[in-house]
Amino acid sequence: MGRKTKKEKIIAKLRRENQALVGLSRNSPEVKVSLPSSSLNNILVLSAPTTERTDYSFLRADLTRTLLFTFLAIGAQLVLWYLQSKGLIRFF
């Protein structure tokens, strides 16, 4: 991978500044950033997310699966303990 060009450095700098601006002003629908280079005098319009919705639909399935495996493991331990206490199986 070669060195970054001046244009790539400016774009990376603007991306970092835009992330900082979006973090500070969540209420503004768009952020305008102008490029300082004379060859890149166009204006970038980056839209900020107006409403953030987080999808937690996976959470119920994950918790259900975790509880199921937990109860199965505890049940298996209880069965093995019971069988060992009655002398039906011997581990050591």
Protein backbone atom coordinates (compact mmCIF):
# COMPACT_ATOMS: atom_id res chain seq x y z
CA MET A 1 0.00 0.00 0.00
CA GLY A 2 1.50 3.32 -1.06
CA ARG A 3 1.56 6.65 0.66
CA LYS A 4 -1.58 8.71 0.98
CA THR A 5 -2.04 11.48 -1.50
CA LYS A 6 -2.90 15.00 -0.41
CA LYS A 7 -6.48 14.46 -1.53
CA GLU A 8 -6.80 11.28 0.57
CA LYS A 9 -5.36 13.07 3.61
CA ILE A 10 -7.85 15.92 3.22
CA ILE A 11 -10.75 13.48 2.85
CA ALA A 12 -9.63 11.57 5.97
CA LYS A 13 -9.32 14.84 7.92
CA LEU A 14 -12.81 15.91 6.83
CA ARG A 15 -14.23 12.51 7.78
CA ARG A 16 -12.77 12.85 11.29
CA GLU A 17 -14.09 16.41 11.62
CA ASN A 18 -17.52 15.32 10.36
CA GLN A 19 -17.69 12.53 12.94
CA ALA A 20 -16.86 15.06 15.66
CA LEU A 21 -19.51 17.48 14.37
CA VAL A 22 -22.15 14.78 14.08
CA GLY A 23 -21.37 13.68 17.62
CA LEU A 24 -21.85 17.22 18.93
CA SER A 25 -24.92 18.23 16.95
CA ARG A 26 -27.36 15.36 16.57
CA ASN A 27 -30.27 17.72 15.90
CA SER A 28 -29.00 19.20 12.63
CA PRO A 29 -30.22 17.26 9.56
CA GLU A 30 -27.13 17.98 7.47
CA VAL A 31 -23.58 19.18 7.90
CA LYS A 32 -21.76 21.13 5.16
CA VAL A 33 -17.99 20.88 5.03
CA SER A 34 -15.91 22.76 2.48
CA LEU A 35 -12.54 21.54 1.28
CA PRO A 36 -9.64 24.01 1.70
CA SER A 37 -7.71 22.91 -1.38
CA SER A 38 -8.14 25.08 -4.48
CA SER A 39 -8.47 22.01 -6.69
CA LEU A 40 -11.16 20.59 -4.43
CA ASN A 41 -13.47 23.58 -3.93
CA ASN A 42 -16.67 21.53 -4.02
CA ILE A 43 -18.84 21.27 -0.92
CA LEU A 44 -19.60 17.91 0.61
CA VAL A 45 -23.07 17.53 2.08
CA LEU A 46 -23.18 14.73 4.60
CA SER A 47 -26.50 13.90 6.16
CA ALA A 48 -26.53 13.07 9.84
CA PRO A 49 -28.92 10.44 11.16
CA THR A 50 -32.04 12.18 12.40
CA THR A 51 -33.39 9.33 14.49
CA GLU A 52 -31.43 6.37 15.73
CA ARG A 53 -33.34 3.16 16.26
CA THR A 54 -31.54 0.20 17.66
CA ASP A 55 -32.85 -3.22 16.78
CA TYR A 56 -32.88 -5.56 19.78
CA SER A 57 -34.83 -8.39 18.17
CA PHE A 58 -31.84 -10.72 18.46
CA LEU A 59 -31.68 -10.20 22.22
CA ARG A 60 -34.71 -12.33 23.08
CA ALA A 61 -33.48 -15.24 20.96
CA ASP A 62 -29.99 -15.04 22.49
CA LEU A 63 -31.31 -14.94 26.06
CA THR A 64 -33.69 -17.83 25.40
CA ARG A 65 -30.88 -19.93 23.94
CA THR A 66 -28.56 -19.08 26.85
CA LEU A 67 -31.19 -20.00 29.45
CA LEU A 68 -31.98 -23.26 27.65
CA PHE A 69 -28.33 -24.36 27.59
CA THR A 70 -27.84 -23.26 31.20
CA PHE A 71 -30.78 -25.35 32.42
CA LEU A 72 -29.63 -28.31 30.33
CA ALA A 73 -26.13 -28.13 31.85
CA ILE A 74 -27.45 -27.83 35.40
CA GLY A 75 -29.91 -30.67 34.78
CA ALA A 76 -27.14 -32.90 33.42
CA GLN A 77 -25.03 -32.19 36.51
CA LEU A 78 -27.95 -33.04 38.81
CA VAL A 79 -28.59 -36.33 36.96
CA LEU A 80 -24.91 -37.28 37.16
CA TRP A 81 -24.78 -36.36 40.87
CA TYR A 82 -27.87 -38.46 41.57
CA LEU A 83 -26.52 -41.47 39.67
CA GLN A 84 -23.17 -41.20 41.43
CA SER A 85 -24.79 -40.88 44.88
CA LYS A 86 -26.81 -44.07 44.28
CA GLY A 87 -23.68 -45.89 43.15
CA LEU A 88 -24.95 -46.55 39.64
CA ILE A 89 -21.98 -44.87 38.00
CA ARG A 90 -18.45 -44.29 39.26
CA PHE A 91 -16.20 -41.52 37.96
CA PHE A 92 -13.07 -41.96 40.10
